[in-house]
Amino acid sequence: MPELPEVEVVRRGLERWIGGRTIVAAQVLHPRAVRRHVAGPEDFAARLARRRVAAVLRRGKYLWLPLEDGDGDAGGGTSSYALLAHLGMSGQLLVQPGHALDEKHLRVRIGFTDATAGELRFVDQRTFGGLSVHPVTDDGLPEVIAHIARDPLDPAFDADVLHAALRRRGTTIKRALLDQSLVSGVGNIYADEALWRSRLHYDRPTATLSRPRTAELLGHVRDVLTEALAQGGTSFDSLYVNVNGESGYFDRSLNVYGREGRPCRRCATPIRRRPWTNRSSYFCPRCQRPPRPL
């Protein structure tokens, strides 16, 4: 599933190409793509028509487009609704010329009054992602994601709040990193990478982390996310692409994820993989020793 760097790459592309544009119409080609819009596909399309995309914003793995009244070049002021997007396992938001051939798994098409902007296309092979329109809170967040925490690259992210939450929760460090109510945008790949850099085993209890250790881990999380973002994210297959259909290449820089049996870049010990909550955890058994039983 795309994590923060992949979603941020898409956000930046959308901001460049469709920010400030006015939607002329939306066409839903597969109802499952808008299943989270409970009023149905027709209502979804009606709520987008003649709305201006005020900006393209992100929190964690979610993208949203605040919608303004599209009458006039200056927009309609405050947005009370937003178009929310989640890419799921295989979702893609592509900006394509209107004359381009339809993608095999095209689910939603959104056109703009300015034809030079092309079309925004939601393509999703596995249909786990989706689009929906929701009211926004006073803070400008779609109501359905108001519970999602800020991500480590957000200037307003509070490291002290995170440390206090880690100390009082009876959980392990990787579970905490993937808990979107604590810290958003970090998924399996970047959690494993940050834990390797921190020399922390994924099953280390969070209650054992000192404040300096938490700060060190958070620094590595930020470094991993920033480096991945600079390389366009991680693409193991053609499903993870930017708005122009281009793949990222951070997979070439991964230290542990997907490297089972290959030597640790730090100590040469073979990397191990262990099943973990329907996923896999990759780690170095020498650099990241498991915690001692309590």
C-alpha atoms as a PDB file:
ATOM      1  CA  MET A   1       0.000   0.000   0.000  1.00  0.00           C
ATOM      2  CA  PRO A   2       1.345   3.476  -0.825  1.00  0.00           C
ATOM      3  CA  GLU A   3       2.783   5.231   2.206  1.00  0.00           C
ATOM      4  CA  LEU A   4       3.505   8.891   2.926  1.00  0.00           C
ATOM      5  CA  PRO A   5       6.252   9.457   0.292  1.00  0.00           C
ATOM      6  CA  GLU A   6       4.224   7.895  -2.524  1.00  0.00           C
ATOM      7  CA  VAL A   7       1.081   9.828  -1.591  1.00  0.00           C
ATOM      8  CA  GLU A   8       3.003  13.094  -1.198  1.00  0.00           C
ATOM      9  CA  VAL A   9       4.524  12.628  -4.666  1.00  0.00           C
ATOM     10  CA  VAL A  10       0.990  12.331  -6.049  1.00  0.00           C
ATOM     11  CA  ARG A  11      -0.160  15.366  -4.052  1.00  0.00           C
ATOM     12  CA  ARG A  12       2.593  17.539  -5.461  1.00  0.00           C
ATOM     13  CA  GLY A  13       1.785  16.464  -8.998  1.00  0.00           C
ATOM     14  CA  LEU A  14      -1.914  17.171  -8.530  1.00  0.00           C
ATOM     15  CA  GLU A  15      -1.198  20.563  -6.968  1.00  0.00           C
ATOM     16  CA  ARG A  16       0.813  21.494 -10.034  1.00  0.00           C
ATOM     17  CA  TRP A  17      -1.699  20.346 -12.627  1.00  0.00           C
ATOM     18  CA  ILE A  18      -5.186  20.773 -11.145  1.00  0.00           C
ATOM     19  CA  GLY A  19      -4.853  23.168  -8.198  1.00  0.00           C
ATOM     20  CA  GLY A  20      -7.136  26.154  -8.865  1.00  0.00           C
ATOM     21  CA  ARG A  21      -8.982  24.450 -11.754  1.00  0.00           C
ATOM     22  CA  THR A  22     -12.754  24.198 -11.955  1.00  0.00           C
ATOM     23  CA  ILE A  23     -14.395  20.818 -12.484  1.00  0.00           C
ATOM     24  CA  VAL A  24     -16.851  20.670 -15.349  1.00  0.00           C
ATOM     25  CA  ALA A  25     -18.139  17.123 -14.745  1.00  0.00           C
ATOM     26  CA  ALA A  26     -17.303  13.772 -13.187  1.00  0.00           C
ATOM     27  CA  GLN A  27     -18.091  10.347 -14.616  1.00  0.00           C
ATOM     28  CA  VAL A  28     -18.196   7.257 -12.401  1.00  0.00           C
ATOM     29  CA  LEU A  29     -17.369   4.172 -14.469  1.00  0.00           C
ATOM     30  CA  HIS A  30     -17.355   1.670 -11.592  1.00  0.00           C
ATOM     31  CA  PRO A  31     -19.574   2.210  -8.502  1.00  0.00           C
ATOM     32  CA  ARG A  32     -17.133   0.452  -6.175  1.00  0.00           C
ATOM     33  CA  ALA A  33     -14.686   3.331  -6.682  1.00  0.00           C
ATOM     34  CA  VAL A  34     -17.119   5.669  -4.862  1.00  0.00           C
ATOM     35  CA  ARG A  35     -18.592   3.163  -2.401  1.00  0.00           C
ATOM     36  CA  ARG A  36     -17.536   5.345   0.537  1.00  0.00           C
ATOM     37  CA  HIS A  37     -19.751   8.105  -0.848  1.00  0.00           C
ATOM     38  CA  VAL A  38     -22.898   6.731   0.740  1.00  0.00           C
ATOM     39  CA  ALA A  39     -25.298   8.882  -1.315  1.00  0.00           C
ATOM     40  CA  GLY A  40     -24.210   7.064  -4.475  1.00  0.00           C
ATOM     41  CA  PRO A  41     -22.447   7.775  -7.785  1.00  0.00           C
ATOM     42  CA  GLU A  42     -24.984  10.325  -9.092  1.00  0.00           C
ATOM     43  CA  ASP A  43     -24.739  12.435  -5.945  1.00  0.00           C
ATOM     44  CA  PHE A  44     -20.945  12.136  -6.058  1.00  0.00           C
ATOM     45  CA  ALA A  45     -20.833  13.527  -9.596  1.00  0.00           C
ATOM     46  CA  ALA A  46     -23.341  16.280  -8.799  1.00  0.00           C
ATOM     47  CA  ARG A  47     -21.304  17.506  -5.810  1.00  0.00           C
ATOM     48  CA  LEU A  48     -18.206  17.898  -7.998  1.00  0.00           C
ATOM     49  CA  ALA A  49     -19.765  19.696 -10.972  1.00  0.00           C
ATOM     50  CA  ARG A  50     -18.768  23.381 -11.206  1.00  0.00           C
ATOM     51  CA  ARG A  51     -16.611  23.162  -8.085  1.00  0.00           C
ATOM     52  CA  ARG A  52     -13.158  24.714  -7.970  1.00  0.00           C
ATOM     53  CA  VAL A  53     -10.234  22.730  -6.572  1.00  0.00           C
ATOM     54  CA  ALA A  54      -8.930  25.153  -3.967  1.00  0.00           C
ATOM     55  CA  ALA A  55      -5.794  23.140  -3.137  1.00  0.00           C
ATOM     56  CA  VAL A  56      -4.490  19.589  -2.852  1.00  0.00           C
ATOM     57  CA  LEU A  57      -3.810  18.551   0.743  1.00  0.00           C
ATOM     58  CA  ARG A  58      -2.608  15.436   2.537  1.00  0.00           C
ATOM     59  CA  ARG A  59      -2.644  13.879   5.972  1.00  0.00           C
ATOM     60  CA  GLY A  60      -0.813  10.581   6.272  1.00  0.00           C
ATOM     61  CA  LYS A  61      -1.941   8.381   3.386  1.00  0.00           C
ATOM     62  CA  TYR A  62      -5.056  10.428   2.562  1.00  0.00           C
ATOM     63  CA  LEU A  63      -5.397  13.150  -0.059  1.00  0.00           C
ATOM     64  CA  TRP A  64      -8.189  15.669  -0.243  1.00  0.00           C
ATOM     65  CA  LEU A  65      -9.214  18.514  -2.505  1.00  0.00           C
ATOM     66  CA  PRO A  66     -11.180  21.343  -0.807  1.00  0.00           C
ATOM     67  CA  LEU A  67     -14.062  22.272  -3.111  1.00  0.00           C
ATOM     68  CA  GLU A  68     -15.226  25.849  -3.660  1.00  0.00           C
ATOM     69  CA  ASP A  69     -18.014  27.367  -5.723  1.00  0.00           C
ATOM     70  CA  GLY A  70     -16.510  27.479  -9.202  1.00  0.00           C
ATOM     71  CA  ASP A  71     -18.216  30.638 -10.442  1.00  0.00           C
ATOM     72  CA  GLY A  72     -15.624  33.242 -11.277  1.00  0.00           C
ATOM     73  CA  ASP A  73     -11.862  33.029 -11.602  1.00  0.00           C
ATOM     74  CA  ALA A  74     -11.175  33.789  -7.949  1.00  0.00           C
ATOM     75  CA  GLY A  75     -13.124  30.854  -6.568  1.00  0.00           C
ATOM     76  CA  GLY A  76     -15.901  30.900  -4.032  1.00  0.00           C
ATOM     77  CA  GLY A  77     -14.134  31.316  -0.707  1.00  0.00           C
ATOM     78  CA  THR A  78     -14.353  28.894   2.201  1.00  0.00           C
ATOM     79  CA  SER A  79     -14.732  25.195   1.368  1.00  0.00           C
ATOM     80  CA  SER A  80     -17.362  23.249   3.286  1.00  0.00           C
ATOM     81  CA  TYR A  81     -16.818  20.007   1.356  1.00  0.00           C
ATOM     82  CA  ALA A  82     -13.790  18.147   0.055  1.00  0.00           C
ATOM     83  CA  LEU A  83     -13.070  15.363  -2.392  1.00  0.00           C
ATOM     84  CA  LEU A  84     -11.245  12.674  -0.391  1.00  0.00           C
ATOM     85  CA  ALA A  85      -8.991  10.080  -2.035  1.00  0.00           C
ATOM     86  CA  HIS A  86      -7.384   6.937  -0.687  1.00  0.00           C
ATOM     87  CA  LEU A  87      -5.252   4.915  -3.083  1.00  0.00           C
ATOM     88  CA  GLY A  88      -5.674   1.563  -1.339  1.00  0.00           C
ATOM     89  CA  MET A  89      -3.459  -1.198  -2.746  1.00  0.00           C
ATOM     90  CA  SER A  90      -3.377  -0.195  -6.406  1.00  0.00           C
ATOM     91  CA  GLY A  91      -5.096   3.175  -6.858  1.00  0.00           C
ATOM     92  CA  GLN A  92      -3.596   5.751  -9.202  1.00  0.00           C
ATOM     93  CA  LEU A  93      -4.539   9.390  -9.727  1.00  0.00           C
ATOM     94  CA  LEU A  94      -3.358  10.278 -13.211  1.00  0.00           C
ATOM     95  CA  VAL A  95      -3.515  13.550 -15.147  1.00  0.00           C
ATOM     96  CA  GLN A  96      -4.092  12.639 -18.785  1.00  0.00           C
ATOM     97  CA  PRO A  97      -4.965  14.520 -21.992  1.00  0.00           C
ATOM     98  CA  GLY A  98      -8.632  14.183 -22.803  1.00  0.00           C
ATOM     99  CA  HIS A  99      -7.821  12.333 -26.041  1.00  0.00           C
ATOM    100  CA  ALA A 100      -5.671   9.676 -24.336  1.00  0.00           C
ATOM    101  CA  LEU A 101      -6.985   6.116 -24.489  1.00  0.00           C
ATOM    102  CA  ASP A 102      -8.811   4.932 -21.380  1.00  0.00           C
ATOM    103  CA  GLU A 103      -6.779   2.811 -18.984  1.00  0.00           C
ATOM    104  CA  LYS A 104      -7.964  -0.782 -18.555  1.00  0.00           C
ATOM    105  CA  HIS A 105      -8.951  -0.196 -14.923  1.00  0.00           C
ATOM    106  CA  LEU A 106     -10.251   3.378 -15.233  1.00  0.00           C
ATOM    107  CA  ARG A 107     -12.896   3.892 -12.515  1.00  0.00           C
ATOM    108  CA  VAL A 108     -13.600   7.652 -12.357  1.00  0.00           C
ATOM    109  CA  ARG A 109     -13.000  10.456 -14.856  1.00  0.00           C
ATOM    110  CA  ILE A 110     -13.013  14.131 -13.816  1.00  0.00           C
ATOM    111  CA  GLY A 111     -12.896  16.877 -16.438  1.00  0.00           C
ATOM    112  CA  PHE A 112     -12.096  20.581 -16.043  1.00  0.00           C
ATOM    113  CA  THR A 113     -13.441  23.722 -17.684  1.00  0.00           C
ATOM    114  CA  ASP A 114      -9.893  24.524 -18.787  1.00  0.00           C
ATOM    115  CA  ALA A 115      -9.193  21.816 -21.371  1.00  0.00           C
ATOM    116  CA  THR A 116      -5.432  22.394 -21.146  1.00  0.00           C
ATOM    117  CA  ALA A 117      -5.540  20.848 -17.667  1.00  0.00           C
ATOM    118  CA  GLY A 118      -6.456  17.490 -19.187  1.00  0.00           C
ATOM    119  CA  GLU A 119      -8.464  15.016 -17.113  1.00  0.00           C
ATOM    120  CA  LEU A 120      -8.008  13.609 -13.642  1.00  0.00           C
ATOM    121  CA  ARG A 121      -8.419   9.843 -13.823  1.00  0.00           C
ATOM    122  CA  PHE A 122      -8.763   7.435 -10.929  1.00  0.00           C
ATOM    123  CA  VAL A 123      -7.421   4.040 -12.005  1.00  0.00           C
ATOM    124  CA  ASP A 124      -7.608   1.111  -9.597  1.00  0.00           C
ATOM    125  CA  GLN A 125      -6.954  -2.489 -10.580  1.00  0.00           C
ATOM    126  CA  ARG A 126      -7.921  -4.078  -7.254  1.00  0.00           C
ATOM    127  CA  THR A 127     -10.614  -1.518  -6.323  1.00  0.00           C
ATOM    128  CA  PHE A 128      -9.522  -1.266  -2.674  1.00  0.00           C
ATOM    129  CA  GLY A 129      -9.063   2.506  -2.965  1.00  0.00           C
ATOM    130  CA  GLY A 130     -11.746   5.075  -3.584  1.00  0.00           C
ATOM    131  CA  LEU A 131     -13.036   8.637  -3.876  1.00  0.00           C
ATOM    132  CA  SER A 132     -15.771  10.312  -1.826  1.00  0.00           C
ATOM    133  CA  VAL A 133     -17.048  13.778  -0.933  1.00  0.00           C
ATOM    134  CA  HIS A 134     -17.341  14.766   2.743  1.00  0.00           C
ATOM    135  CA  PRO A 135     -18.014  17.822   4.902  1.00  0.00           C
ATOM    136  CA  VAL A 136     -14.908  19.372   6.435  1.00  0.00           C
ATOM    137  CA  THR A 137     -14.244  20.348  10.045  1.00  0.00           C
ATOM    138  CA  ASP A 138     -13.368  23.839  11.249  1.00  0.00           C
ATOM    139  CA  ASP A 139      -9.732  22.833  10.775  1.00  0.00           C
ATOM    140  CA  GLY A 140     -10.387  22.039   7.111  1.00  0.00           C
ATOM    141  CA  LEU A 141     -10.110  18.248   7.503  1.00  0.00           C
ATOM    142  CA  PRO A 142     -12.690  15.915   5.973  1.00  0.00           C
ATOM    143  CA  GLU A 143     -14.735  14.750   8.951  1.00  0.00           C
ATOM    144  CA  VAL A 144     -14.098  11.059   8.292  1.00  0.00           C
ATOM    145  CA  ILE A 145     -10.335  11.436   8.784  1.00  0.00           C
ATOM    146  CA  ALA A 146     -10.374  13.860  11.705  1.00  0.00           C
ATOM    147  CA  HIS A 147      -9.029  11.062  13.933  1.00  0.00           C
ATOM    148  CA  ILE A 148      -5.889  10.590  11.806  1.00  0.00           C
ATOM    149  CA  ALA A 149      -2.755  11.900  13.521  1.00  0.00           C
ATOM    150  CA  ARG A 150      -0.294  14.293  11.952  1.00  0.00           C
ATOM    151  CA  ASP A 151       2.675  12.743  10.180  1.00  0.00           C
ATOM    152  CA  PRO A 152       6.367  13.134  11.146  1.00  0.00           C
ATOM    153  CA  LEU A 153       7.042  15.598   8.311  1.00  0.00           C
ATOM    154  CA  ASP A 154       4.255  17.922   9.449  1.00  0.00           C
ATOM    155  CA  PRO A 155       5.802  21.013  11.136  1.00  0.00           C
ATOM    156  CA  ALA A 156       3.073  20.796  13.798  1.00  0.00           C
ATOM    157  CA  PHE A 157       3.891  17.195  14.728  1.00  0.00           C
ATOM    158  CA  ASP A 158       4.497  17.016  18.487  1.00  0.00           C
ATOM    159  CA  ALA A 159       7.295  14.616  19.437  1.00  0.00           C
ATOM    160  CA  ASP A 160       6.589  14.968  23.165  1.00  0.00           C
ATOM    161  CA  VAL A 161       2.969  13.925  22.684  1.00  0.00           C
ATOM    162  CA  LEU A 162       4.135  10.888  20.737  1.00  0.00           C
ATOM    163  CA  HIS A 163       6.632   9.885  23.417  1.00  0.00           C
ATOM    164  CA  ALA A 164       4.023  10.167  26.166  1.00  0.00           C
ATOM    165  CA  ALA A 165       1.623   8.017  24.142  1.00  0.00           C
ATOM    166  CA  LEU A 166       4.295   5.380  23.518  1.00  0.00           C
ATOM    167  CA  ARG A 167       5.163   5.185  27.208  1.00  0.00           C
ATOM    168  CA  ARG A 168       1.612   4.641  28.366  1.00  0.00           C
ATOM    169  CA  ARG A 169       0.502   2.180  25.700  1.00  0.00           C
ATOM    170  CA  GLY A 170       1.065  -1.515  26.240  1.00  0.00           C
ATOM    171  CA  THR A 171       2.199  -2.231  22.707  1.00  0.00           C
ATOM    172  CA  THR A 172       5.336  -2.793  20.632  1.00  0.00           C
ATOM    173  CA  ILE A 173       7.209  -0.242  18.596  1.00  0.00           C
ATOM    174  CA  LYS A 174       6.273  -1.365  15.093  1.00  0.00           C
ATOM    175  CA  ARG A 175       2.604  -1.643  16.009  1.00  0.00           C
ATOM    176  CA  ALA A 176       2.819   1.915  17.317  1.00  0.00           C
ATOM    177  CA  LEU A 177       4.480   3.220  14.149  1.00  0.00           C
ATOM    178  CA  LEU A 178       1.668   1.735  12.060  1.00  0.00           C
ATOM    179  CA  ASP A 179      -1.069   3.101  14.332  1.00  0.00           C
ATOM    180  CA  GLN A 180      -2.471   6.003  12.307  1.00  0.00           C
ATOM    181  CA  SER A 181      -4.030   7.540  15.425  1.00  0.00           C
ATOM    182  CA  LEU A 182      -0.518   7.996  16.856  1.00  0.00           C
ATOM    183  CA  VAL A 183       1.545   8.836  13.800  1.00  0.00           C
ATOM    184  CA  SER A 184       0.260   8.804  10.245  1.00  0.00           C
ATOM    185  CA  GLY A 185       1.822   8.011   6.896  1.00  0.00           C
ATOM    186  CA  VAL A 186       4.241   5.295   8.073  1.00  0.00           C
ATOM    187  CA  GLY A 187       3.592   1.826   6.696  1.00  0.00           C
ATOM    188  CA  ASN A 188       5.360  -1.502   6.709  1.00  0.00           C
ATOM    189  CA  ILE A 189       8.256  -0.586   4.425  1.00  0.00           C
ATOM    190  CA  TYR A 190       9.344   2.620   6.128  1.00  0.00           C
ATOM    191  CA  ALA A 191       8.744   1.253   9.621  1.00  0.00           C
ATOM    192  CA  ASP A 192      11.196  -1.597   8.944  1.00  0.00           C
ATOM    193  CA  GLU A 193      13.713   0.802   7.442  1.00  0.00           C
ATOM    194  CA  ALA A 194      13.554   3.259  10.358  1.00  0.00           C
ATOM    195  CA  LEU A 195      13.788   0.480  12.942  1.00  0.00           C
ATOM    196  CA  TRP A 196      16.893  -0.905  11.218  1.00  0.00           C
ATOM    197  CA  ARG A 197      18.530   2.513  11.300  1.00  0.00           C
ATOM    198  CA  SER A 198      17.600   2.806  14.978  1.00  0.00           C
ATOM    199  CA  ARG A 199      18.859  -0.730  15.787  1.00  0.00           C
ATOM    200  CA  LEU A 200      15.470  -1.500  17.328  1.00  0.00           C
ATOM    201  CA  HIS A 201      13.686  -4.840  17.074  1.00  0.00           C
ATOM    202  CA  TYR A 202      10.107  -4.559  15.837  1.00  0.00           C
ATOM    203  CA  ASP A 203       8.802  -6.259  19.021  1.00  0.00           C
ATOM    204  CA  ARG A 204      10.505  -3.839  21.423  1.00  0.00           C
ATOM    205  CA  PRO A 205       7.901  -2.679  24.005  1.00  0.00           C
ATOM    206  CA  THR A 206       7.168   1.020  23.650  1.00  0.00           C
ATOM    207  CA  ALA A 207       7.164   1.460  27.442  1.00  0.00           C
ATOM    208  CA  THR A 208      10.926   0.770  27.465  1.00  0.00           C
ATOM    209  CA  LEU A 209      11.799   3.714  25.201  1.00  0.00           C
ATOM    210  CA  SER A 210      13.454   6.697  26.847  1.00  0.00           C
ATOM    211  CA  ARG A 211      12.757  10.191  25.557  1.00  0.00           C
ATOM    212  CA  PRO A 212      16.158  10.380  23.764  1.00  0.00           C
ATOM    213  CA  ARG A 213      15.517   6.956  22.183  1.00  0.00           C
ATOM    214  CA  THR A 214      12.115   8.079  20.952  1.00  0.00           C
ATOM    215  CA  ALA A 215      13.652  11.247  19.523  1.00  0.00           C
ATOM    216  CA  GLU A 216      16.337   9.213  17.774  1.00  0.00           C
ATOM    217  CA  LEU A 217      13.754   6.862  16.247  1.00  0.00           C
ATOM    218  CA  LEU A 218      11.601   9.774  15.117  1.00  0.00           C
ATOM    219  CA  GLY A 219      14.643  11.328  13.459  1.00  0.00           C
ATOM    220  CA  HIS A 220      15.281   8.135  11.513  1.00  0.00           C
ATOM    221  CA  VAL A 221      11.622   7.941  10.487  1.00  0.00           C
ATOM    222  CA  ARG A 222      11.839  11.476   9.139  1.00  0.00           C
ATOM    223  CA  ASP A 223      15.107  10.748   7.336  1.00  0.00           C
ATOM    224  CA  VAL A 224      13.706   7.638   5.654  1.00  0.00           C
ATOM    225  CA  LEU A 225      10.524   9.420   4.562  1.00  0.00           C
ATOM    226  CA  THR A 226      12.457  12.435   3.281  1.00  0.00           C
ATOM    227  CA  GLU A 227      14.929  10.315   1.301  1.00  0.00           C
ATOM    228  CA  ALA A 228      12.137   8.210  -0.187  1.00  0.00           C
ATOM    229  CA  LEU A 229      10.220  11.345  -1.152  1.00  0.00           C
ATOM    230  CA  ALA A 230      13.295  12.747  -2.925  1.00  0.00           C
ATOM    231  CA  GLN A 231      13.445   9.560  -5.027  1.00  0.00           C
ATOM    232  CA  GLY A 232       9.764   9.528  -5.927  1.00  0.00           C
ATOM    233  CA  GLY A 233       8.809   6.887  -3.379  1.00  0.00           C
ATOM    234  CA  THR A 234       9.137   3.112  -3.518  1.00  0.00           C
ATOM    235  CA  SER A 235       7.774   1.208  -6.517  1.00  0.00           C
ATOM    236  CA  PHE A 236       7.980  -2.582  -6.487  1.00  0.00           C
ATOM    237  CA  ASP A 237       5.644  -2.825  -9.490  1.00  0.00           C
ATOM    238  CA  SER A 238       3.909  -0.592 -12.032  1.00  0.00           C
ATOM    239  CA  LEU A 239       0.972   0.128  -9.700  1.00  0.00           C
ATOM    240  CA  TYR A 240       2.762   2.790  -7.618  1.00  0.00           C
ATOM    241  CA  VAL A 241       3.218   5.806  -9.892  1.00  0.00           C
ATOM    242  CA  ASN A 242       2.986   9.586  -9.867  1.00  0.00           C
ATOM    243  CA  VAL A 243       0.357  11.588 -11.774  1.00  0.00           C
ATOM    244  CA  ASN A 244       2.357  11.138 -14.981  1.00  0.00           C
ATOM    245  CA  GLY A 245       2.566   7.356 -14.598  1.00  0.00           C
ATOM    246  CA  GLU A 246       6.227   7.338 -13.528  1.00  0.00           C
ATOM    247  CA  SER A 247       7.592   5.003 -10.833  1.00  0.00           C
ATOM    248  CA  GLY A 248       9.775   5.970  -7.880  1.00  0.00           C
ATOM    249  CA  TYR A 249      13.126   4.274  -7.276  1.00  0.00           C
ATOM    250  CA  PHE A 250      13.714   4.302  -3.491  1.00  0.00           C
ATOM    251  CA  ASP A 251      13.495   0.484  -3.593  1.00  0.00           C
ATOM    252  CA  ARG A 252      17.146   0.578  -4.716  1.00  0.00           C
ATOM    253  CA  SER A 253      18.089   2.230  -1.406  1.00  0.00           C
ATOM    254  CA  LEU A 254      16.249  -0.094   0.984  1.00  0.00           C
ATOM    255  CA  ASN A 255      18.446  -1.577   3.694  1.00  0.00           C
ATOM    256  CA  VAL A 256      16.243  -4.398   5.009  1.00  0.00           C
ATOM    257  CA  TYR A 257      12.782  -4.494   3.449  1.00  0.00           C
ATOM    258  CA  GLY A 258      12.611  -7.182   0.774  1.00  0.00           C
ATOM    259  CA  ARG A 259      16.251  -8.232   1.367  1.00  0.00           C
ATOM    260  CA  GLU A 260      15.769 -11.578   3.133  1.00  0.00           C
ATOM    261  CA  GLY A 261      18.976 -13.624   3.077  1.00  0.00           C
ATOM    262  CA  ARG A 262      21.092 -10.763   1.775  1.00  0.00           C
ATOM    263  CA  PRO A 263      23.856  -9.282   3.975  1.00  0.00           C
ATOM    264  CA  CYS A 264      23.079  -6.450   6.353  1.00  0.00           C
ATOM    265  CA  ARG A 265      24.703  -3.307   4.982  1.00  0.00           C
ATOM    266  CA  ARG A 266      26.059  -2.586   8.473  1.00  0.00           C
ATOM    267  CA  CYS A 267      27.342  -5.925   9.802  1.00  0.00           C
ATOM    268  CA  ALA A 268      26.951  -8.418   6.884  1.00  0.00           C
ATOM    269  CA  THR A 269      24.632 -10.725   8.879  1.00  0.00           C
ATOM    270  CA  PRO A 270      21.909 -12.172   6.605  1.00  0.00           C
ATOM    271  CA  ILE A 271      18.652 -10.251   6.824  1.00  0.00           C
ATOM    272  CA  ARG A 272      15.718 -12.245   8.174  1.00  0.00           C
ATOM    273  CA  ARG A 273      12.012 -12.052   7.451  1.00  0.00           C
ATOM    274  CA  ARG A 274       9.330 -13.034   9.943  1.00  0.00           C
ATOM    275  CA  PRO A 275       5.526 -13.182   9.474  1.00  0.00           C
ATOM    276  CA  TRP A 276       3.959 -10.300  11.362  1.00  0.00           C
ATOM    277  CA  THR A 277       0.205  -9.488  11.589  1.00  0.00           C
ATOM    278  CA  ASN A 278      -0.563 -10.598   8.005  1.00  0.00           C
ATOM    279  CA  ARG A 279       2.559  -8.804   6.817  1.00  0.00           C
ATOM    280  CA  SER A 280       6.287  -9.443   7.018  1.00  0.00           C
ATOM    281  CA  SER A 281       8.953  -7.836   9.170  1.00  0.00           C
ATOM    282  CA  TYR A 282      12.500  -7.609   7.849  1.00  0.00           C
ATOM    283  CA  PHE A 283      15.350  -7.103  10.315  1.00  0.00           C
ATOM    284  CA  CYS A 284      18.981  -7.840  11.079  1.00  0.00           C
ATOM    285  CA  PRO A 285      19.218 -10.420  13.905  1.00  0.00           C
ATOM    286  CA  ARG A 286      22.544  -8.979  15.045  1.00  0.00           C
ATOM    287  CA  CYS A 287      21.860  -5.239  14.827  1.00  0.00           C
ATOM    288  CA  GLN A 288      18.261  -5.532  16.034  1.00  0.00           C
ATOM    289  CA  ARG A 289      18.289  -8.041  18.831  1.00  0.00           C
ATOM    290  CA  PRO A 290      14.873  -9.153  20.129  1.00  0.00           C
ATOM    291  CA  PRO A 291      13.819  -7.849  23.541  1.00  0.00           C
ATOM    292  CA  ARG A 292      14.429 -10.034  26.567  1.00  0.00           C
ATOM    293  CA  PRO A 293      11.342 -11.717  28.027  1.00  0.00           C
ATOM    294  CA  LEU A 294       9.916  -9.773  30.948  1.00  0.00           C
END
